[in-house]
Amino acid sequence: MVHDGHGLGYLQKIARDRKNVFSALMEAVKTHSRGQVSHTL
């Protein structure tokens, strides 16, 4: 699976790796609701 840096799975991986989530978060909110993002984190 090729990762383009979008989506909730990618956001969760970045957060778990303790990396800066800002850019992943900005991409995730383009296609997912605030509730989905909050639940993911």
C-alpha atoms as a PDB file:
ATOM      1  CA  MET A   1       0.000   0.000   0.000  1.00  0.00           C
ATOM      2  CA  VAL A   2       1.461   3.328  -1.051  1.00  0.00           C
ATOM      3  CA  HIS A   3       0.970   6.127   1.421  1.00  0.00           C
ATOM      4  CA  ASP A   4       0.269   9.616   0.142  1.00  0.00           C
ATOM      5  CA  GLY A   5       0.296  11.168   3.611  1.00  0.00           C
ATOM      6  CA  HIS A   6      -3.475  11.463   3.873  1.00  0.00           C
ATOM      7  CA  GLY A   7      -6.005   9.789   6.053  1.00  0.00           C
ATOM      8  CA  LEU A   8      -6.645   8.801   9.579  1.00  0.00           C
ATOM      9  CA  GLY A   9      -4.299   5.823   9.620  1.00  0.00           C
ATOM     10  CA  TYR A  10      -1.384   8.010   8.650  1.00  0.00           C
ATOM     11  CA  LEU A  11      -2.338  10.607  11.271  1.00  0.00           C
ATOM     12  CA  GLN A  12      -2.501   7.919  13.942  1.00  0.00           C
ATOM     13  CA  LYS A  13       0.896   6.511  12.928  1.00  0.00           C
ATOM     14  CA  ILE A  14       2.523   9.947  13.102  1.00  0.00           C
ATOM     15  CA  ALA A  15       1.020  10.558  16.544  1.00  0.00           C
ATOM     16  CA  ARG A  16       2.121   7.151  17.831  1.00  0.00           C
ATOM     17  CA  ASP A  17       5.638   7.776  16.547  1.00  0.00           C
ATOM     18  CA  ARG A  18       5.592  11.065  18.519  1.00  0.00           C
ATOM     19  CA  LYS A  19       6.276  13.125  15.401  1.00  0.00           C
ATOM     20  CA  ASN A  20       4.828  16.525  14.561  1.00  0.00           C
ATOM     21  CA  VAL A  21       1.213  15.841  13.566  1.00  0.00           C
ATOM     22  CA  PHE A  22       0.369  19.292  12.211  1.00  0.00           C
ATOM     23  CA  SER A  23       0.682  18.582   8.484  1.00  0.00           C
ATOM     24  CA  ALA A  24      -0.990  15.169   8.785  1.00  0.00           C
ATOM     25  CA  LEU A  25      -3.789  16.782  10.785  1.00  0.00           C
ATOM     26  CA  MET A  26      -4.302  19.503   8.162  1.00  0.00           C
ATOM     27  CA  GLU A  27      -4.625  16.853   5.454  1.00  0.00           C
ATOM     28  CA  ALA A  28      -6.948  14.642   7.501  1.00  0.00           C
ATOM     29  CA  VAL A  29      -9.447  17.433   8.183  1.00  0.00           C
ATOM     30  CA  LYS A  30      -9.898  17.972   4.449  1.00  0.00           C
ATOM     31  CA  THR A  31     -11.718  14.645   4.121  1.00  0.00           C
ATOM     32  CA  HIS A  32     -12.699  13.596   7.661  1.00  0.00           C
ATOM     33  CA  SER A  33     -14.922  15.072  10.348  1.00  0.00           C
ATOM     34  CA  ARG A  34     -13.649  16.613  13.553  1.00  0.00           C
ATOM     35  CA  GLY A  35     -15.148  13.681  15.448  1.00  0.00           C
ATOM     36  CA  GLN A  36     -13.315  11.133  13.313  1.00  0.00           C
ATOM     37  CA  VAL A  37     -10.011  12.968  13.804  1.00  0.00           C
ATOM     38  CA  SER A  38     -10.582  13.297  17.557  1.00  0.00           C
ATOM     39  CA  HIS A  39     -11.406   9.607  17.874  1.00  0.00           C
ATOM     40  CA  THR A  40      -8.287   8.687  15.897  1.00  0.00           C
ATOM     41  CA  LEU A  41      -6.041  10.701  18.189  1.00  0.00           C
END
